[in-house]
Amino acid sequence: MARMWRCSGLRWSGDGFVLAWEGGRTSTPAWGQRVGFAVPEGSGRTCVGARGHACPARAAVPGRGTGARCEECARLDRAHSVAADTMADDPRPYRVYLAWFGPGMVKVGITAVERGPARLLEQGAVCFSWLGTGPLMAARRTEELLRAALGVPDRIAYTEKRAVRAKLPEAEEERAAEVRELHLRAVALARWPESLRPEPCDVVDHVRAFGLEDVPAAFGEVAELVPGGAVSGELVAAAGPDLHLAVPGRGVVVLDTRLMRGWGIVPSAGEGGGLALPVREFPREQEGLF
């Protein structure tokens, strides 16, 4: 029987992405390379634990969740989370950013300065600009100010991001336009925290890093992994936690690598491609009747 591997997810840095595996191993699939795996029959998904510690109960977790943690481990993981506002005394400097994922999809967020652009790559931001730098709570207040004054959300669903990746404007300047316009409005707001230093608008584009130039439109996304299921296809793009795989006879499907966490998987058999997992199809644009 083939050795089982456990995936830790897709990790990004300024140098690109790697697939991480339990035990510290990594692999770097290349564009055009076949990526495939299978879930053995009779297997199950177990909690991945919290903050580097294994789940003491080895609890079973649902296949559709991206967190791959039981309730207790999820609580422990968020106990020191910036996103959950549990680290108000964090002394590190933070940046506020504006991230664009597609037409009409701009969000505001914060990330530690030491992380550089990794957070934006992890979220699948097609382009972004820094907005300001300062202490954590000043960055958080600025984030809240933009949500209230300009109606800029701090979250955009991954399904929405995935559905528009093949419909992005071709011109980089056109992709950057909404970020530039919002940046201008944001720095003009009153009640800007004094301890937050405004940053000039300098839009960084990730289309090339993600492989999204001329990427074929995906027909859907893998909804969950199941025992006995498998997927195999050519890697055509990667953005955030997602791999875009071209499956012969089916088209491009998006696989959120977070769904792989907690499963023991083995290499898929055969040299071709295939898809034997539940898929959630993206809505199709309705054509005119006349």
Protein backbone atom coordinates (compact mmCIF):
# COMPACT_ATOMS: atom_id res chain seq x y z
CA MET A 1 0.00 0.00 0.00
CA ALA A 2 1.30 3.46 -0.88
CA ARG A 3 2.49 5.64 1.97
CA MET A 4 -0.11 8.13 3.21
CA TRP A 5 0.76 11.82 3.40
CA ARG A 6 -0.93 14.60 5.37
CA CYS A 7 -1.05 18.03 3.77
CA SER A 8 -0.59 21.18 5.87
CA GLY A 9 -1.84 23.46 3.09
CA LEU A 10 -0.53 25.93 0.53
CA ARG A 11 2.03 28.39 1.92
CA TRP A 12 3.10 31.64 0.30
CA SER A 13 6.09 33.91 0.62
CA GLY A 14 7.62 36.58 -1.56
CA ASP A 15 9.39 33.75 -3.40
CA GLY A 16 6.18 31.96 -4.41
CA PHE A 17 4.21 29.03 -3.03
CA VAL A 18 4.87 25.53 -1.72
CA LEU A 19 2.64 22.66 -0.66
CA ALA A 20 3.51 21.88 2.95
CA TRP A 21 3.27 18.42 4.49
CA GLU A 22 3.30 17.19 8.06
CA GLY A 23 6.85 16.49 9.18
CA GLY A 24 8.22 19.66 7.61
CA ARG A 25 8.45 18.48 4.00
CA THR A 26 7.45 20.79 1.14
CA SER A 27 6.90 20.40 -2.58
CA THR A 28 6.67 23.02 -5.31
CA PRO A 29 4.44 22.02 -8.24
CA ALA A 30 5.29 23.76 -11.52
CA TRP A 31 2.81 25.21 -14.00
CA GLY A 32 1.69 22.42 -16.33
CA GLN A 33 2.65 19.67 -13.90
CA ARG A 34 0.14 16.94 -13.06
CA VAL A 35 -1.11 17.19 -9.48
CA GLY A 36 -3.19 14.33 -8.17
CA PHE A 37 -4.07 12.35 -5.06
CA ALA A 38 -6.65 9.91 -3.73
CA VAL A 39 -8.34 9.41 -0.35
CA PRO A 40 -8.21 5.75 0.70
CA GLU A 41 -11.48 3.92 1.27
CA GLY A 42 -12.45 3.65 4.92
CA SER A 43 -10.36 6.63 6.02
CA GLY A 44 -11.59 9.68 7.92
CA ARG A 45 -10.64 13.27 8.59
CA THR A 46 -9.19 14.12 12.00
CA CYS A 47 -8.53 17.40 13.79
CA VAL A 48 -5.13 18.96 13.00
CA GLY A 49 -4.72 20.41 16.49
CA ALA A 50 -3.83 23.96 17.48
CA ARG A 51 -0.72 26.11 17.51
CA GLY A 52 1.68 23.28 16.75
CA HIS A 53 0.14 20.79 19.18
CA ALA A 54 -1.71 17.64 18.15
CA CYS A 55 -5.39 17.26 19.06
CA PRO A 56 -5.39 15.15 22.26
CA ALA A 57 -8.71 13.55 21.28
CA ARG A 58 -7.81 12.93 17.61
CA ALA A 59 -11.37 14.13 17.06
CA ALA A 60 -13.20 13.55 13.80
CA VAL A 61 -14.04 16.73 11.87
CA PRO A 62 -16.46 17.37 8.95
CA GLY A 63 -15.16 17.16 5.39
CA ARG A 64 -16.55 20.53 4.28
CA GLY A 65 -14.85 22.69 6.92
CA THR A 66 -11.69 24.55 5.91
CA GLY A 67 -10.45 24.90 9.49
CA ALA A 68 -9.98 21.14 10.04
CA ARG A 69 -10.20 21.63 13.80
CA CYS A 70 -12.53 20.36 16.49
CA GLU A 71 -14.36 22.91 18.64
CA GLU A 72 -11.80 22.86 21.46
CA CYS A 73 -8.75 23.16 19.20
CA ALA A 74 -10.43 25.94 17.21
CA ARG A 75 -10.97 27.84 20.46
CA LEU A 76 -7.32 27.38 21.46
CA ASP A 77 -6.09 28.46 18.03
CA ARG A 78 -8.03 31.72 18.23
CA ALA A 79 -6.88 32.42 21.80
CA HIS A 80 -3.85 34.32 20.41
CA SER A 81 -5.36 35.56 17.17
CA VAL A 82 -5.05 39.10 15.85
CA ALA A 83 -8.23 38.55 13.84
CA ALA A 84 -10.13 37.70 17.05
CA ASP A 85 -8.85 40.84 18.84
CA THR A 86 -7.18 38.76 21.57
CA MET A 87 -3.71 40.35 21.17
CA ALA A 88 -4.35 44.01 21.92
CA ASP A 89 -0.94 44.33 23.60
CA ASP A 90 1.02 43.04 20.59
CA PRO A 91 4.01 45.43 20.33
CA ARG A 92 4.79 44.69 16.67
CA PRO A 93 4.06 47.33 13.99
CA TYR A 94 1.16 46.58 11.65
CA ARG A 95 0.11 47.65 8.19
CA VAL A 96 -3.37 48.42 6.94
CA TYR A 97 -3.95 47.36 3.34
CA LEU A 98 -6.52 47.56 0.55
CA ALA A 99 -6.83 44.33 -1.44
CA TRP A 100 -8.65 43.80 -4.77
CA PHE A 101 -9.94 40.41 -5.89
CA GLY A 102 -12.03 41.36 -8.92
CA PRO A 103 -14.42 44.06 -10.13
CA GLY A 104 -16.29 45.49 -7.14
CA MET A 105 -14.37 43.29 -4.69
CA VAL A 106 -12.10 45.42 -2.50
CA LYS A 107 -11.49 44.72 1.19
CA VAL A 108 -9.53 46.32 4.01
CA GLY A 109 -7.33 44.32 6.36
CA ILE A 110 -4.27 44.40 8.58
CA THR A 111 -1.07 42.34 8.75
CA ALA A 112 2.16 42.47 10.76
CA VAL A 113 4.91 44.43 9.00
CA GLU A 114 7.32 41.51 9.46
CA ARG A 115 5.11 39.29 7.26
CA GLY A 116 5.53 41.47 4.18
CA PRO A 117 3.06 40.60 1.38
CA ALA A 118 2.53 36.99 2.53
CA ARG A 119 -0.93 37.70 3.97
CA LEU A 120 -2.09 39.18 0.66
CA LEU A 121 -0.80 36.18 -1.29
CA GLU A 122 -2.47 33.81 1.18
CA GLN A 123 -5.81 35.55 0.65
CA GLY A 124 -5.54 35.43 -3.13
CA ALA A 125 -5.45 39.22 -3.54
CA VAL A 126 -5.06 39.97 -7.26
CA CYS A 127 -3.56 43.35 -6.38
CA PHE A 128 -3.12 45.47 -3.26
CA SER A 129 -1.63 48.62 -1.77
CA TRP A 130 -0.51 49.48 1.73
CA LEU A 131 -2.59 52.21 3.35
CA GLY A 132 -0.81 52.96 6.63
CA THR A 133 1.62 51.64 9.26
CA GLY A 134 1.47 51.84 13.05
CA PRO A 135 0.56 50.06 16.31
CA LEU A 136 -1.95 47.21 16.21
CA MET A 137 -4.87 49.07 17.78
CA ALA A 138 -4.38 52.10 15.52
CA ALA A 139 -4.40 49.76 12.52
CA ARG A 140 -7.55 48.10 13.84
CA ARG A 141 -9.29 51.48 14.34
CA THR A 142 -8.40 52.47 10.77
CA GLU A 143 -9.84 49.21 9.49
CA GLU A 144 -13.08 49.92 11.38
CA LEU A 145 -13.11 53.52 10.12
CA LEU A 146 -13.00 52.39 6.48
CA ARG A 147 -15.76 49.86 7.05
CA ALA A 148 -18.02 52.48 8.63
CA ALA A 149 -17.20 55.53 6.50
CA LEU A 150 -16.63 53.96 3.08
CA GLY A 151 -18.49 50.67 3.34
CA VAL A 152 -15.34 48.64 2.63
CA PRO A 153 -15.71 45.05 3.94
CA ASP A 154 -13.02 43.20 5.86
CA ARG A 155 -14.00 39.84 4.37
CA ILE A 156 -14.87 38.51 0.91
CA ALA A 157 -15.99 34.91 0.50
CA TYR A 158 -13.55 32.63 -1.31
CA THR A 159 -16.31 31.34 -3.58
CA GLU A 160 -16.79 34.90 -4.87
CA LYS A 161 -13.05 35.35 -5.41
CA ARG A 162 -12.76 32.07 -7.33
CA ALA A 163 -15.71 32.72 -9.60
CA VAL A 164 -14.18 35.90 -11.10
CA ARG A 165 -10.53 34.92 -11.56
CA ALA A 166 -10.95 34.10 -15.25
CA LYS A 167 -12.82 37.38 -15.89
CA LEU A 168 -10.21 39.86 -14.65
CA PRO A 169 -9.37 42.96 -16.73
CA GLU A 170 -6.34 42.34 -18.93
CA ALA A 171 -4.71 45.73 -18.24
CA GLU A 172 -2.82 46.06 -14.96
CA GLU A 173 -3.86 49.71 -14.65
CA GLU A 174 -7.51 48.72 -14.92
CA ARG A 175 -7.07 46.13 -12.17
CA ALA A 176 -5.46 48.78 -9.95
CA ALA A 177 -8.09 51.48 -10.53
CA GLU A 178 -10.46 50.64 -7.65
CA VAL A 179 -7.59 50.36 -5.15
CA ARG A 180 -6.23 53.76 -6.21
CA GLU A 181 -9.65 55.40 -5.94
CA LEU A 182 -10.35 53.94 -2.47
CA HIS A 183 -6.86 54.79 -1.24
CA LEU A 184 -7.44 58.43 -2.18
CA ARG A 185 -10.78 58.51 -0.33
CA ALA A 186 -9.38 56.67 2.70
CA VAL A 187 -6.43 59.00 3.41
CA ALA A 188 -8.80 62.00 3.15
CA LEU A 189 -11.03 60.76 5.97
CA ALA A 190 -11.31 62.63 9.23
CA ARG A 191 -10.57 60.80 12.52
CA TRP A 192 -7.49 59.11 11.02
CA PRO A 193 -5.51 57.74 14.03
CA GLU A 194 -2.53 60.00 14.78
CA SER A 195 -0.24 57.05 15.49
CA LEU A 196 -0.86 55.51 12.06
CA ARG A 197 1.53 56.76 9.36
CA PRO A 198 -0.17 56.97 5.93
CA GLU A 199 1.55 55.06 3.13
CA PRO A 200 1.58 56.23 -0.52
CA CYS A 201 -0.54 54.31 -2.99
CA ASP A 202 1.74 51.78 -4.69
CA VAL A 203 -0.34 48.97 -6.20
CA VAL A 204 1.31 45.54 -6.39
CA ASP A 205 -0.17 43.11 -8.94
CA HIS A 206 -0.16 39.33 -8.35
CA VAL A 207 -1.62 38.10 -11.65
CA ARG A 208 1.71 36.77 -12.86
CA ALA A 209 2.64 35.26 -9.47
CA PHE A 210 -0.70 33.40 -9.42
CA GLY A 211 -0.45 32.26 -13.04
CA LEU A 212 -3.76 33.95 -13.85
CA GLU A 213 -2.74 35.33 -17.26
CA ASP A 214 -5.12 33.74 -19.79
CA VAL A 215 -6.18 31.13 -17.22
CA PRO A 216 -9.17 29.05 -18.41
CA ALA A 217 -12.40 29.70 -16.51
CA ALA A 218 -13.11 27.18 -13.75
CA PHE A 219 -16.48 25.44 -13.85
CA GLY A 220 -16.58 24.88 -10.08
CA GLU A 221 -14.79 24.11 -6.83
CA VAL A 222 -14.25 20.89 -4.89
CA ALA A 223 -16.79 20.93 -2.07
CA GLU A 224 -15.10 18.34 0.15
CA LEU A 225 -12.85 15.29 0.18
CA VAL A 226 -14.49 11.89 0.72
CA PRO A 227 -13.15 8.36 1.29
CA GLY A 228 -12.56 6.72 -2.08
CA GLY A 229 -12.44 10.08 -3.86
CA ALA A 230 -9.64 11.35 -6.07
CA VAL A 231 -8.61 14.27 -8.26
CA SER A 232 -5.86 14.61 -10.85
CA GLY A 233 -5.17 17.38 -13.32
CA GLU A 234 -2.70 19.85 -14.77
CA LEU A 235 -1.80 22.78 -12.54
CA VAL A 236 -2.75 25.97 -14.42
CA ALA A 237 -2.91 28.53 -11.58
CA ALA A 238 -2.63 28.92 -7.81
CA ALA A 239 -4.03 31.77 -5.71
CA GLY A 240 -4.46 32.00 -1.96
CA PRO A 241 -5.14 28.45 -0.71
CA ASP A 242 -6.39 27.33 -4.12
CA LEU A 243 -4.97 25.14 -6.85
CA HIS A 244 -6.61 25.44 -10.30
CA LEU A 245 -6.43 22.01 -11.96
CA ALA A 246 -7.32 21.28 -15.59
CA VAL A 247 -9.00 17.86 -15.55
CA PRO A 248 -9.22 16.13 -18.95
CA GLY A 249 -12.80 15.90 -20.15
CA ARG A 250 -14.12 18.10 -17.34
CA GLY A 251 -12.35 21.48 -17.47
CA VAL A 252 -10.71 23.49 -14.71
CA VAL A 253 -11.73 22.83 -11.11
CA VAL A 254 -10.55 24.78 -8.07
CA LEU A 255 -9.22 22.81 -5.10
CA ASP A 256 -8.99 24.62 -1.76
CA THR A 257 -5.96 22.92 -0.16
CA ARG A 258 -7.38 23.64 3.30
CA LEU A 259 -9.90 20.88 2.58
CA MET A 260 -6.96 18.44 2.37
CA ARG A 261 -5.84 19.09 5.94
CA GLY A 262 -6.70 16.29 8.37
CA TRP A 263 -6.90 13.60 5.67
CA GLY A 264 -4.35 10.92 4.92
CA ILE A 265 -3.91 10.91 1.13
CA VAL A 266 -1.98 8.82 -1.38
CA PRO A 267 -0.80 9.53 -4.94
CA SER A 268 -3.54 8.99 -7.52
CA ALA A 269 -3.14 5.98 -9.79
CA GLY A 270 -2.49 6.35 -13.54
CA GLU A 271 -0.90 9.03 -15.66
CA GLY A 272 -4.08 10.69 -16.89
CA GLY A 273 -6.49 12.94 -15.02
CA GLY A 274 -9.82 12.54 -13.34
CA LEU A 275 -12.23 13.92 -10.79
CA ALA A 276 -14.18 11.79 -8.32
CA LEU A 277 -15.04 14.28 -5.59
CA PRO A 278 -18.16 16.37 -4.86
CA VAL A 279 -18.05 19.64 -6.83
CA ARG A 280 -19.94 22.89 -6.30
CA GLU A 281 -20.40 24.49 -9.72
CA PHE A 282 -20.14 28.24 -10.19
CA PRO A 283 -23.24 30.06 -11.46
CA ARG A 284 -23.16 30.54 -15.21
CA GLU A 285 -23.97 33.83 -16.88
CA GLN A 286 -27.36 33.70 -18.52
CA GLU A 287 -27.30 34.27 -22.26
CA GLY A 288 -29.92 36.49 -23.86
CA LEU A 289 -33.03 34.85 -25.31
CA PHE A 290 -32.91 36.85 -28.54
